[in-house]
């Protein structure tokens, strides 16, 4: 994640889940996996493109993936 994203940045287009909602799930609700994030926010539960680059079915690749967000918070511990 070289670029800085605002908390209002939509990570999951299908379910309209913002970065702020995902960060809240990780920091306040102790989400530690993609499945936890999906359960708490619905992000990644539709097409799955936001989960990781390998799952991205779009022609234009996304700027930010759920796995990248999880890795950032794992590294902060």
N, C-alpha and C. Protein backbone atom coordinates (compact mmCIF):
# COMPACT_ATOMS: atom_id res chain seq x y z
N UNK A 1 0.83 -1.17 0.00
CA UNK A 1 0.00 0.00 0.00
C UNK A 1 0.88 1.24 0.00
N UNK A 2 1.38 1.57 -1.13
CA UNK A 2 2.26 2.72 -1.23
C UNK A 2 1.48 4.03 -1.15
N UNK A 3 0.27 4.02 -1.61
CA UNK A 3 -0.55 5.22 -1.63
C UNK A 3 -1.38 5.32 -0.34
N UNK A 4 -1.62 6.53 0.06
CA UNK A 4 -2.46 6.76 1.23
C UNK A 4 -3.91 6.91 0.77
N UNK A 5 -4.81 6.18 1.41
CA UNK A 5 -6.23 6.20 1.04
C UNK A 5 -7.05 6.80 2.18
N UNK A 6 -8.06 7.62 1.86
CA UNK A 6 -8.93 8.14 2.91
C UNK A 6 -9.84 7.03 3.43
N UNK A 7 -10.34 7.18 4.64
CA UNK A 7 -11.22 6.18 5.22
C UNK A 7 -12.51 6.02 4.42
N UNK A 8 -12.86 7.03 3.64
CA UNK A 8 -14.08 6.97 2.83
C UNK A 8 -13.88 6.20 1.51
N UNK A 9 -12.64 5.80 1.20
CA UNK A 9 -12.34 5.07 -0.03
C UNK A 9 -13.11 3.75 -0.04
N UNK A 10 -13.85 3.51 -1.12
CA UNK A 10 -14.62 2.27 -1.24
C UNK A 10 -13.71 1.15 -1.72
N UNK A 11 -13.54 0.15 -0.87
CA UNK A 11 -12.69 -1.01 -1.18
C UNK A 11 -13.51 -2.06 -1.92
N UNK A 12 -14.73 -2.30 -1.43
CA UNK A 12 -15.62 -3.30 -2.05
C UNK A 12 -16.73 -2.56 -2.78
N UNK A 13 -16.66 -2.53 -4.10
CA UNK A 13 -17.66 -1.84 -4.90
C UNK A 13 -19.03 -2.52 -4.82
N UNK A 14 -19.04 -3.84 -4.83
CA UNK A 14 -20.32 -4.58 -4.84
C UNK A 14 -21.17 -4.27 -3.61
N UNK A 15 -20.54 -4.23 -2.46
CA UNK A 15 -21.26 -4.02 -1.20
C UNK A 15 -21.06 -2.61 -0.64
N UNK A 16 -20.30 -1.77 -1.36
CA UNK A 16 -20.05 -0.38 -0.95
C UNK A 16 -19.47 -0.30 0.46
N UNK A 17 -18.41 -1.09 0.70
CA UNK A 17 -17.74 -1.10 2.00
C UNK A 17 -16.49 -0.23 1.91
N UNK A 18 -16.39 0.69 2.85
CA UNK A 18 -15.28 1.64 2.84
C UNK A 18 -14.07 1.10 3.61
N UNK A 19 -12.94 1.72 3.36
CA UNK A 19 -11.72 1.39 4.08
C UNK A 19 -11.92 1.59 5.58
N UNK A 20 -12.61 2.65 5.95
CA UNK A 20 -12.87 2.92 7.36
C UNK A 20 -13.63 1.80 8.03
N UNK A 21 -14.61 1.24 7.35
CA UNK A 21 -15.38 0.12 7.90
C UNK A 21 -14.50 -1.12 8.09
N UNK A 22 -13.60 -1.33 7.14
CA UNK A 22 -12.70 -2.48 7.21
C UNK A 22 -11.69 -2.29 8.35
N UNK A 23 -11.16 -1.09 8.47
CA UNK A 23 -10.22 -0.80 9.55
C UNK A 23 -10.91 -0.98 10.90
N UNK A 24 -12.14 -0.52 11.01
CA UNK A 24 -12.91 -0.69 12.25
C UNK A 24 -13.07 -2.18 12.57
N UNK A 25 -13.39 -2.98 11.57
CA UNK A 25 -13.55 -4.42 11.78
C UNK A 25 -12.25 -5.05 12.27
N UNK A 26 -11.12 -4.59 11.75
CA UNK A 26 -9.82 -5.15 12.14
C UNK A 26 -9.43 -4.68 13.54
N UNK A 27 -9.50 -3.36 13.77
CA UNK A 27 -9.01 -2.80 15.03
C UNK A 27 -9.97 -2.96 16.20
N UNK A 28 -11.26 -2.79 15.95
CA UNK A 28 -12.23 -2.79 17.04
C UNK A 28 -12.96 -4.12 17.21
N UNK A 29 -13.11 -4.87 16.12
CA UNK A 29 -13.84 -6.13 16.17
C UNK A 29 -12.92 -7.35 16.03
N UNK A 30 -11.60 -7.10 15.98
CA UNK A 30 -10.58 -8.15 15.96
C UNK A 30 -10.63 -9.07 14.74
N UNK A 31 -11.01 -8.54 13.58
CA UNK A 31 -10.97 -9.34 12.35
C UNK A 31 -9.52 -9.67 12.02
N UNK A 32 -9.23 -10.94 11.80
CA UNK A 32 -7.87 -11.37 11.53
C UNK A 32 -7.73 -12.14 10.21
N UNK A 33 -8.84 -12.29 9.50
CA UNK A 33 -8.82 -13.04 8.24
C UNK A 33 -9.82 -12.43 7.26
N UNK A 34 -9.71 -12.83 6.01
CA UNK A 34 -10.67 -12.38 5.00
C UNK A 34 -12.09 -12.80 5.38
N UNK A 35 -12.21 -14.00 5.94
CA UNK A 35 -13.52 -14.50 6.34
C UNK A 35 -14.11 -13.64 7.46
N UNK A 36 -13.27 -13.22 8.41
CA UNK A 36 -13.74 -12.35 9.49
C UNK A 36 -14.24 -11.03 8.92
N UNK A 37 -13.48 -10.44 8.00
CA UNK A 37 -13.88 -9.18 7.39
C UNK A 37 -15.19 -9.34 6.63
N UNK A 38 -15.31 -10.43 5.90
CA UNK A 38 -16.55 -10.70 5.16
C UNK A 38 -17.74 -10.82 6.11
N UNK A 39 -17.56 -11.55 7.20
CA UNK A 39 -18.63 -11.74 8.17
C UNK A 39 -19.06 -10.41 8.81
N UNK A 40 -18.08 -9.55 9.10
CA UNK A 40 -18.36 -8.30 9.81
C UNK A 40 -18.82 -7.16 8.92
N UNK A 41 -18.39 -7.17 7.65
CA UNK A 41 -18.66 -6.01 6.78
C UNK A 41 -19.37 -6.36 5.47
N UNK A 42 -19.39 -7.61 5.08
CA UNK A 42 -19.88 -8.08 3.78
C UNK A 42 -18.88 -7.85 2.65
N UNK A 43 -17.77 -7.17 2.90
CA UNK A 43 -16.76 -6.95 1.86
C UNK A 43 -16.23 -8.29 1.37
N UNK A 44 -16.14 -8.44 0.07
CA UNK A 44 -15.62 -9.67 -0.53
C UNK A 44 -16.64 -10.78 -0.66
N UNK A 45 -17.88 -10.52 -0.25
CA UNK A 45 -18.87 -11.60 -0.25
C UNK A 45 -19.68 -11.71 -1.54
N UNK A 46 -19.44 -10.83 -2.48
CA UNK A 46 -20.19 -10.89 -3.74
C UNK A 46 -19.29 -11.46 -4.84
N UNK A 47 -18.64 -10.61 -5.61
CA UNK A 47 -17.80 -11.12 -6.71
C UNK A 47 -16.42 -11.56 -6.24
N UNK A 48 -15.96 -11.03 -5.10
CA UNK A 48 -14.66 -11.43 -4.55
C UNK A 48 -13.47 -10.70 -5.12
N UNK A 49 -13.67 -9.79 -6.05
CA UNK A 49 -12.54 -9.09 -6.68
C UNK A 49 -11.72 -8.27 -5.70
N UNK A 50 -12.34 -7.81 -4.62
CA UNK A 50 -11.62 -6.97 -3.66
C UNK A 50 -10.77 -7.79 -2.69
N UNK A 51 -10.91 -9.09 -2.71
CA UNK A 51 -10.16 -9.93 -1.77
C UNK A 51 -8.66 -9.92 -2.04
N UNK A 52 -8.26 -10.18 -3.27
CA UNK A 52 -6.84 -10.17 -3.64
C UNK A 52 -6.71 -10.04 -5.15
N UNK A 53 -5.52 -9.72 -5.59
CA UNK A 53 -5.29 -9.48 -7.02
C UNK A 53 -5.64 -10.72 -7.85
N UNK A 54 -5.36 -11.90 -7.32
CA UNK A 54 -5.62 -13.14 -8.05
C UNK A 54 -7.12 -13.38 -8.25
N UNK A 55 -7.94 -12.87 -7.34
CA UNK A 55 -9.40 -13.05 -7.44
C UNK A 55 -10.07 -11.94 -8.23
N UNK A 56 -9.32 -10.90 -8.58
CA UNK A 56 -9.88 -9.72 -9.26
C UNK A 56 -10.28 -10.08 -10.69
N UNK A 57 -11.59 -10.06 -10.96
CA UNK A 57 -12.11 -10.43 -12.27
C UNK A 57 -12.29 -9.23 -13.20
N UNK A 58 -12.05 -8.05 -12.69
CA UNK A 58 -12.24 -6.83 -13.47
C UNK A 58 -11.17 -6.63 -14.53
N UNK A 59 -11.52 -5.89 -15.57
CA UNK A 59 -10.55 -5.55 -16.62
C UNK A 59 -9.49 -4.63 -16.04
N UNK A 60 -9.94 -3.60 -15.30
CA UNK A 60 -9.03 -2.72 -14.60
C UNK A 60 -8.86 -3.25 -13.19
N UNK A 61 -7.63 -3.47 -12.78
CA UNK A 61 -7.37 -4.01 -11.45
C UNK A 61 -7.64 -2.94 -10.40
N UNK A 62 -8.03 -3.40 -9.22
CA UNK A 62 -8.34 -2.50 -8.12
C UNK A 62 -7.06 -1.89 -7.55
N UNK A 63 -7.22 -0.80 -6.84
CA UNK A 63 -6.08 -0.12 -6.23
C UNK A 63 -5.71 -0.69 -4.87
N UNK A 64 -6.66 -1.29 -4.19
CA UNK A 64 -6.47 -1.74 -2.82
C UNK A 64 -7.26 -3.02 -2.60
N UNK A 65 -6.60 -4.01 -2.02
CA UNK A 65 -7.24 -5.31 -1.77
C UNK A 65 -7.32 -5.59 -0.27
N UNK A 66 -8.28 -6.39 0.11
CA UNK A 66 -8.47 -6.73 1.52
C UNK A 66 -7.22 -7.39 2.11
N UNK A 67 -6.57 -8.26 1.36
CA UNK A 67 -5.37 -8.92 1.89
C UNK A 67 -4.27 -7.90 2.20
N UNK A 68 -4.17 -6.86 1.39
CA UNK A 68 -3.16 -5.82 1.63
C UNK A 68 -3.46 -5.06 2.92
N UNK A 69 -4.73 -4.79 3.15
CA UNK A 69 -5.13 -4.09 4.37
C UNK A 69 -4.81 -4.96 5.58
N UNK A 70 -5.17 -6.23 5.52
CA UNK A 70 -4.86 -7.15 6.63
C UNK A 70 -3.37 -7.21 6.90
N UNK A 71 -2.56 -7.31 5.85
CA UNK A 71 -1.10 -7.37 6.01
C UNK A 71 -0.57 -6.13 6.69
N UNK A 72 -1.09 -4.98 6.33
CA UNK A 72 -0.62 -3.73 6.94
C UNK A 72 -0.86 -3.75 8.44
N UNK A 73 -2.00 -4.21 8.87
CA UNK A 73 -2.30 -4.23 10.30
C UNK A 73 -1.60 -5.36 11.03
N UNK A 74 -1.28 -6.45 10.35
CA UNK A 74 -0.48 -7.51 10.95
C UNK A 74 0.92 -7.00 11.23
N UNK A 75 1.47 -6.20 10.30
CA UNK A 75 2.82 -5.67 10.44
C UNK A 75 2.93 -4.60 11.51
N UNK A 76 1.82 -3.97 11.88
CA UNK A 76 1.84 -2.93 12.91
C UNK A 76 1.88 -3.49 14.32
N UNK A 77 1.62 -4.77 14.46
CA UNK A 77 1.60 -5.37 15.80
C UNK A 77 2.97 -5.65 16.32
